Protein backbone atom coordinates (compact mmCIF):
# COMPACT_ATOMS: atom_id res chain seq x y z
CA MET A 1 0.15 13.16 33.79
CA ARG A 2 2.14 11.25 36.38
CA HIS A 3 0.90 9.52 39.50
CA GLY A 4 -2.82 9.99 39.21
CA ALA A 5 -2.91 13.58 37.92
CA GLY A 6 -5.62 14.63 35.52
CA VAL A 7 -5.24 13.75 31.90
CA THR A 8 -5.13 16.05 28.92
CA GLY A 9 -4.17 13.76 26.06
CA VAL A 10 -4.39 10.03 25.50
CA THR A 11 -4.98 8.35 28.85
CA ILE A 12 -3.07 5.14 29.48
CA ALA A 13 -4.07 3.55 32.79
CA LYS A 14 -4.05 4.50 36.44
CA ALA A 15 -0.82 3.48 38.13
CA SER A 16 -0.63 1.36 41.22
CA ASP A 17 0.09 2.94 44.63
CA ASP A 18 3.52 4.47 45.14
CA ALA A 19 6.18 2.07 46.33
CA GLY A 20 6.12 1.73 50.08
CA SER A 21 2.50 2.67 50.59
CA VAL A 22 0.24 0.21 52.34
CA ALA A 23 -3.22 -0.45 50.99
CA PRO A 24 -5.95 -0.23 53.63
CA SER A 25 -7.33 -3.52 54.78
CA ARG A 26 -10.86 -4.49 53.83
CA PRO A 27 -13.35 -6.76 55.52
CA ALA A 28 -13.03 -10.43 54.67
CA ASP A 29 -16.51 -10.51 53.20
CA ALA A 30 -16.04 -7.38 51.09
CA ALA A 31 -16.10 -7.73 47.33
CA PRO A 32 -12.66 -7.62 45.72
CA PRO A 33 -11.81 -4.31 44.04
CA GLU A 34 -12.61 -4.17 40.38
CA ALA A 35 -9.62 -4.33 38.03
CA GLY A 36 -8.87 -1.14 36.19
CA PRO A 37 -9.55 -0.89 32.49
CA SER A 38 -6.95 -2.47 30.23
CA VAL A 39 -4.81 -0.56 27.78
CA GLN A 40 -6.95 -1.96 24.96
CA GLU A 41 -10.16 -0.74 26.63
CA LEU A 42 -8.75 2.73 27.21
CA HIS A 43 -7.09 3.10 23.83
CA GLY A 44 -9.13 0.97 21.48
CA GLU A 45 -9.89 3.85 19.14
CA VAL A 46 -6.33 5.18 19.15
CA LEU A 47 -4.77 1.80 18.52
CA HIS A 48 -7.32 1.08 15.80
CA ALA A 49 -6.51 4.41 14.13
CA PHE A 50 -2.79 3.66 14.36
CA SER A 51 -3.39 0.26 12.79
CA ARG A 52 -5.32 1.89 9.94
CA HIS A 53 -2.42 4.32 9.45
CA LEU A 54 0.07 1.45 9.22
CA GLY A 55 -2.06 -0.40 6.70
CA ALA A 56 -3.59 2.30 4.51
CA GLU A 57 -0.90 4.98 4.57
CA ARG A 58 2.29 3.00 5.11
CA GLY A 59 1.32 -0.22 3.39
CA ARG A 60 2.45 -2.47 6.24
CA SER A 61 1.46 -6.12 6.20
CA VAL A 62 -1.00 -7.65 8.64
CA HIS A 63 1.92 -9.37 10.39
CA THR A 64 3.82 -6.09 10.81
CA ARG A 65 0.74 -4.25 12.06
CA ARG A 66 0.10 -6.97 14.62
CA ALA A 67 3.72 -6.83 15.83
CA TYR A 68 3.76 -3.02 16.08
CA LEU A 69 0.46 -2.89 17.94
CA GLY A 70 1.72 -5.49 20.39
CA ASP A 71 4.88 -3.45 20.96
CA VAL A 72 2.90 -0.24 21.54
CA ARG A 73 0.63 -2.00 24.04
CA HIS A 74 3.75 -3.26 25.82
CA LEU A 75 5.06 0.31 26.04
CA LEU A 76 1.77 1.72 27.33
CA THR A 77 1.49 -0.99 29.97
CA PHE A 78 5.06 -0.33 31.12
CA ALA A 79 4.36 3.41 31.25
CA ALA A 80 1.22 2.92 33.32
CA ALA A 81 3.19 0.87 35.85
CA ARG A 82 5.56 3.86 36.22
CA GLY A 83 2.69 6.22 36.92
CA VAL A 84 2.53 7.81 33.46
CA THR A 85 -1.18 8.19 32.85
CA ASP A 86 -1.01 10.33 29.73
CA VAL A 87 0.93 9.60 26.55
CA ALA A 88 1.70 13.31 26.35
CA ASP A 89 3.72 12.90 29.56
CA LEU A 90 6.00 10.20 28.17
CA ARG A 91 9.65 11.26 28.40
CA ILE A 92 12.82 9.93 26.89
CA ALA A 93 13.69 8.47 30.30
CA ASP A 94 10.53 6.37 30.20
CA LEU A 95 11.41 5.02 26.76
CA ARG A 96 14.96 4.26 27.80
CA GLY A 97 13.70 2.56 30.94
CA TRP A 98 11.34 0.47 28.84
CA LEU A 99 14.10 -0.72 26.54
CA GLY A 100 16.51 -1.18 29.43
CA GLU A 101 14.08 -3.43 31.28
CA GLN A 102 13.79 -5.62 28.19
CA ALA A 103 17.56 -5.83 27.85
CA ASP A 104 17.86 -6.80 31.52
CA SER A 105 15.28 -9.55 31.02
CA GLY A 106 17.31 -11.04 28.18
CA ALA A 107 15.31 -9.89 25.16
CA ALA A 108 17.14 -10.29 21.86
CA ARG A 109 18.72 -7.21 20.31
CA ALA A 110 16.52 -7.64 17.25
CA THR A 111 13.40 -7.63 19.45
CA ILE A 112 14.50 -4.48 21.28
CA ALA A 113 15.36 -2.75 18.01
CA ARG A 114 11.95 -3.63 16.55
CA ARG A 115 10.12 -2.39 19.64
CA ALA A 116 12.06 0.86 19.55
CA ALA A 117 11.09 1.28 15.90
CA ALA A 118 7.45 0.61 16.75
CA ALA A 119 7.53 3.21 19.54
CA ARG A 120 9.10 5.81 17.23
CA THR A 121 6.51 5.15 14.54
CA PHE A 122 3.62 5.37 17.01
CA LEU A 123 4.83 8.53 18.75
CA ARG A 124 5.70 10.27 15.48
CA TRP A 125 2.20 9.48 14.23
CA ALA A 126 0.67 10.64 17.53
CA GLU A 127 2.48 13.97 17.21
CA HIS A 128 1.50 14.45 13.56
CA THR A 129 -2.15 13.75 14.33
CA GLY A 130 -2.21 16.12 17.31
CA ARG A 131 -2.59 13.44 19.94
CA ILE A 132 0.61 14.54 21.73
CA PRO A 133 2.41 17.92 21.58
CA THR A 134 5.95 16.60 21.06
CA ASP A 135 7.55 13.29 20.15
CA PRO A 136 9.83 12.10 22.99
CA SER A 137 11.43 9.39 20.85
CA VAL A 138 13.48 11.72 18.64
CA ARG A 139 16.54 11.19 20.87
CA LEU A 140 15.93 7.50 21.46
CA VAL A 141 18.87 5.31 20.50
CA ALA A 142 18.18 1.59 20.37
CA PRO A 143 20.76 -1.17 20.03
CA LYS A 144 21.60 -2.01 16.46
CA ARG A 145 20.39 -5.31 15.12
CA SER A 146 23.02 -7.99 15.07
CA SER A 147 24.62 -8.37 11.65
CA THR A 148 24.93 -12.11 12.09
CA LEU A 149 22.63 -14.36 10.13
CA PRO A 150 21.30 -17.80 10.90
CA GLY A 151 23.13 -20.66 9.27
CA VAL A 152 22.86 -21.11 5.53
CA LEU A 153 22.90 -24.27 3.49
CA ARG A 154 25.96 -25.18 1.50
CA GLN A 155 25.21 -25.46 -2.19
CA GLY A 156 25.49 -29.24 -1.95
CA GLU A 157 23.05 -29.32 0.95
CA ALA A 158 20.56 -27.22 -1.01
CA THR A 159 20.83 -29.68 -3.88
CA GLU A 160 20.25 -32.60 -1.49
CA LEU A 161 17.19 -30.91 -0.03
CA LEU A 162 15.62 -30.32 -3.43
CA THR A 163 16.47 -33.83 -4.61
CA LEU A 164 14.77 -35.20 -1.50
CA ALA A 165 11.67 -33.10 -2.20
CA ALA A 166 11.60 -34.33 -5.82
CA THR A 167 11.95 -37.96 -4.74
CA ARG A 168 9.10 -37.64 -2.27
CA ALA A 169 6.92 -36.04 -4.95
CA ASP A 170 7.18 -39.22 -7.02
CA ASP A 171 4.38 -40.75 -4.92
CA ASP A 172 1.95 -38.45 -6.79
CA ASP A 173 0.54 -37.02 -3.55
CA PRO A 174 -0.45 -33.48 -4.60
CA ILE A 175 0.82 -32.11 -1.28
CA HIS A 176 4.27 -33.57 -1.92
CA VAL A 177 4.21 -32.19 -5.47
CA ARG A 178 3.29 -28.82 -3.99
CA ASP A 179 6.08 -29.05 -1.40
CA ARG A 180 8.66 -29.64 -4.10
CA ALA A 181 7.44 -26.58 -6.04
CA VAL A 182 7.42 -24.48 -2.86
CA LEU A 183 11.01 -25.37 -1.98
CA GLU A 184 12.27 -24.91 -5.54
CA LEU A 185 10.62 -21.49 -5.80
CA LEU A 186 11.81 -20.32 -2.37
CA TYR A 187 15.41 -21.25 -3.13
CA ALA A 188 15.33 -20.06 -6.75
CA THR A 189 13.92 -16.62 -5.94
CA GLY A 190 14.87 -15.89 -2.34
CA ILE A 191 11.39 -14.49 -1.71
CA ARG A 192 9.96 -14.29 1.79
CA VAL A 193 7.61 -17.00 2.98
CA GLY A 194 4.76 -14.48 3.32
CA GLU A 195 5.36 -13.33 -0.24
CA LEU A 196 5.25 -16.92 -1.47
CA ALA A 197 2.01 -17.68 0.39
CA ALA A 198 0.40 -14.58 -1.15
CA LEU A 199 1.18 -15.57 -4.75
CA ASP A 200 -1.67 -16.04 -7.20
CA ILE A 201 -1.48 -18.11 -10.37
CA ASP A 202 -1.50 -14.96 -12.50
CA ASP A 203 1.67 -13.76 -10.74
CA LEU A 204 3.62 -16.45 -12.58
CA ASP A 205 5.04 -16.09 -16.06
CA LEU A 206 6.35 -19.55 -16.86
CA GLY A 207 7.35 -18.53 -20.36
CA GLU A 208 9.61 -15.75 -19.08
CA GLY A 209 10.60 -17.62 -15.93
CA THR A 210 9.55 -14.76 -13.62
CA VAL A 211 7.18 -14.20 -10.74
CA ARG A 212 5.53 -10.94 -9.65
CA VAL A 213 5.95 -10.43 -5.91
CA MET A 214 4.24 -7.95 -3.60
CA GLY A 215 6.86 -7.12 -0.99
CA LYS A 216 7.07 -4.98 2.11
CA GLY A 217 5.42 -1.60 1.88
CA ALA A 218 3.23 -2.89 -0.97
CA LYS A 219 6.21 -2.62 -3.33
CA GLU A 220 5.97 -4.84 -6.37
CA ARG A 221 8.98 -6.49 -7.96
CA ILE A 222 9.65 -9.07 -10.65
CA VAL A 223 11.94 -11.94 -9.66
CA PRO A 224 13.43 -14.48 -12.08
CA PHE A 225 13.66 -18.22 -11.46
CA GLY A 226 15.40 -21.04 -13.27
CA ALA A 227 14.25 -24.05 -15.26
CA PRO A 228 14.20 -26.53 -12.31
CA ALA A 229 11.81 -24.30 -10.37
CA GLY A 230 9.73 -23.80 -13.51
CA ARG A 231 9.37 -27.55 -14.03
CA ALA A 232 8.45 -28.10 -10.38
CA VAL A 233 5.76 -25.41 -10.55
CA GLN A 234 4.36 -26.83 -13.78
CA SER A 235 4.11 -30.26 -12.13
CA TRP A 236 2.22 -28.69 -9.24
CA LEU A 237 -0.17 -26.83 -11.53
CA ALA A 238 -0.96 -30.14 -13.24
CA VAL A 239 -2.29 -31.58 -9.95
CA ARG A 240 -3.53 -28.40 -8.25
CA SER A 241 -7.12 -29.07 -9.37
CA ARG A 242 -7.19 -32.12 -7.09
CA LEU A 243 -7.10 -29.81 -4.06
CA VAL A 244 -9.23 -26.94 -5.35
CA GLY A 245 -12.24 -26.07 -3.19
CA GLU A 246 -14.70 -23.23 -2.68
CA GLN A 247 -12.10 -21.13 -0.85
CA SER A 248 -9.18 -21.70 -3.23
CA GLY A 249 -9.67 -18.61 -5.36
CA PRO A 250 -6.63 -17.69 -7.47
CA ALA A 251 -4.10 -18.83 -4.84
CA LEU A 252 -1.07 -20.49 -6.39
CA PHE A 253 -0.33 -22.85 -3.51
CA LEU A 254 -3.09 -24.66 -1.64
CA GLY A 255 -3.33 -26.68 1.53
CA ARG A 256 -4.93 -30.09 1.93
CA ARG A 257 -8.39 -28.51 2.46
CA GLY A 258 -8.19 -26.30 -0.60
CA ARG A 259 -7.42 -23.04 1.15
CA ARG A 260 -4.46 -20.80 0.38
CA VAL A 261 -1.34 -22.23 2.00
CA ASP A 262 -0.10 -20.24 5.00
CA ALA A 263 3.41 -19.45 6.21
CA ARG A 264 3.17 -21.90 9.11
CA GLN A 265 2.52 -24.81 6.76
CA VAL A 266 5.52 -23.86 4.64
CA ARG A 267 7.77 -23.62 7.70
CA THR A 268 6.69 -27.10 8.77
CA VAL A 269 7.57 -28.50 5.36
CA VAL A 270 11.04 -26.93 5.33
CA HIS A 271 11.90 -28.08 8.85
CA GLU A 272 10.56 -31.58 8.22
CA LEU A 273 12.53 -32.14 5.00
CA LEU A 274 15.73 -30.68 6.42
CA SER A 275 15.46 -33.07 9.36
CA HIS A 276 16.30 -35.87 6.92
CA LEU A 277 19.67 -34.27 6.12
CA PRO A 278 21.73 -35.05 9.24
CA ASP A 279 24.53 -32.53 8.64
CA ALA A 280 22.38 -29.64 7.46
CA PRO A 281 21.41 -26.80 9.83
CA ASP A 282 17.80 -26.65 11.00
CA LEU A 283 16.50 -23.74 8.97
CA GLY A 284 13.12 -22.35 8.13
CA PRO A 285 12.00 -20.70 4.87
CA HIS A 286 13.99 -17.58 5.74
CA GLY A 287 17.09 -19.76 5.87
CA LEU A 288 16.46 -20.66 2.23
CA ARG A 289 16.26 -16.93 1.47
CA HIS A 290 19.62 -16.41 3.17
CA SER A 291 21.04 -19.40 1.33
CA ALA A 292 19.83 -18.12 -2.05
CA ALA A 293 21.37 -14.69 -1.47
CA THR A 294 24.67 -16.15 -0.27
CA HIS A 295 24.93 -18.55 -3.19
CA LEU A 296 24.15 -15.78 -5.67
CA LEU A 297 26.99 -13.66 -4.32
CA GLU A 298 29.35 -16.63 -4.19
CA GLY A 299 28.53 -17.23 -7.84
CA GLY A 300 29.54 -13.69 -8.76
CA ALA A 301 26.18 -11.90 -8.78
CA ASP A 302 26.23 -8.12 -8.48
CA LEU A 303 25.25 -6.83 -5.03
CA ARG A 304 22.63 -4.46 -6.40
CA MET A 305 21.08 -7.24 -8.44
CA VAL A 306 20.75 -9.32 -5.28
CA GLN A 307 19.24 -6.31 -3.51
CA GLU A 308 16.59 -6.00 -6.24
CA ILE A 309 15.81 -9.72 -6.19
CA LEU A 310 15.41 -9.80 -2.40
CA GLY A 311 13.41 -6.57 -2.29
CA HIS A 312 15.68 -4.82 0.22
CA ALA A 313 14.99 -1.12 0.60
CA SER A 314 18.61 -0.47 1.61
CA LEU A 315 21.79 -1.85 0.07
CA ALA A 316 23.23 -2.00 3.59
CA THR A 317 20.85 -4.87 4.37
CA THR A 318 22.07 -6.83 1.36
CA GLN A 319 25.71 -6.18 2.27
CA ILE A 320 25.31 -8.46 5.27
CA TYR A 321 25.49 -11.37 2.85
CA THR A 322 28.92 -10.29 1.65
CA HIS A 323 30.18 -10.78 5.21
CA VAL A 324 28.72 -14.28 5.26
CA SER A 325 30.38 -15.11 1.95
CA VAL A 326 33.74 -13.74 3.09
CA ASP A 327 33.54 -15.71 6.34
CA ARG A 328 32.88 -18.90 4.43
CA LEU A 329 35.70 -18.09 2.02
CA ARG A 330 38.05 -17.57 4.97
CA ARG A 331 37.08 -20.91 6.51
CA SER A 332 37.62 -22.71 3.21
CA TYR A 333 41.00 -21.00 2.78
CA GLU A 334 42.15 -21.97 6.26
CA GLN A 335 41.13 -25.57 5.67
CA ALA A 336 42.78 -25.84 2.25
CA HIS A 337 45.91 -23.70 2.25
CA PRO A 338 49.04 -25.27 3.81
CA ARG A 339 50.23 -21.92 5.19
CA ALA A 340 46.88 -20.48 6.22
């Protein structure tokens, strides 16, 4: 309930005094008041149950679960500051105020949209599990994500990047050989960096030129790759044993200490190599995914084929790349045609 009333559902936290009230003074030698329990302390079991729901029932990745839980904690903390001490008392006005405050503070549209999605998922689950009587988020409208994408590499720039990676791998450092294979596979398949890091050796079929990928929502897909990526991966497998350690397991790509490579290491590699191409945009692994999709469409690939390769649940997500391709076509036309 609001402003210190008794609770009947999931308690959030006691709100501070109403605006304008003056806290009574206390003696100088008195002990400071104890801080109230945190959202995590009050809702540890609920948040843990929600996390289990996201993982076991909805198949969300560890990264997604962490992001959603952080968003829900943000909402509960905001609600407590407004005097809402019971999740059952959350109203649409509270949710709109929460999103509005983020917009006023300059949060990106994508961040606001994700937080709104997290709130909807949490409150829908809370209603279905009997933790709240009604879901206040059913009328919540969040800003749409921007349809603009970060910069993509031109095909020539992608070729330069991969040539640079191949040249550096000539020093026979297994990490550089690995980096070349990582970049070739990212660009050839358009898979996400998390999907690449999760690959095991058995996920590869070098004879068929395909890789089995576990995507979002634990959905498996088979993605083809070309001969250059296949050769780069074979070169890596020939030196992989030099990095194998007790914690390597079946991981396809390893770090210097023999553990499975993580997404942060891959991002560092992509940024570092791109820094040697002065005219290329500063992209991360996701930029290579965007580049692969754009180049496929520019080469005449069918939109639904690109959707299947990228693992998009909705064709509308893949259609964003058609806008990128058309924009680039327009720029090329204006530069080349005398009456553009």
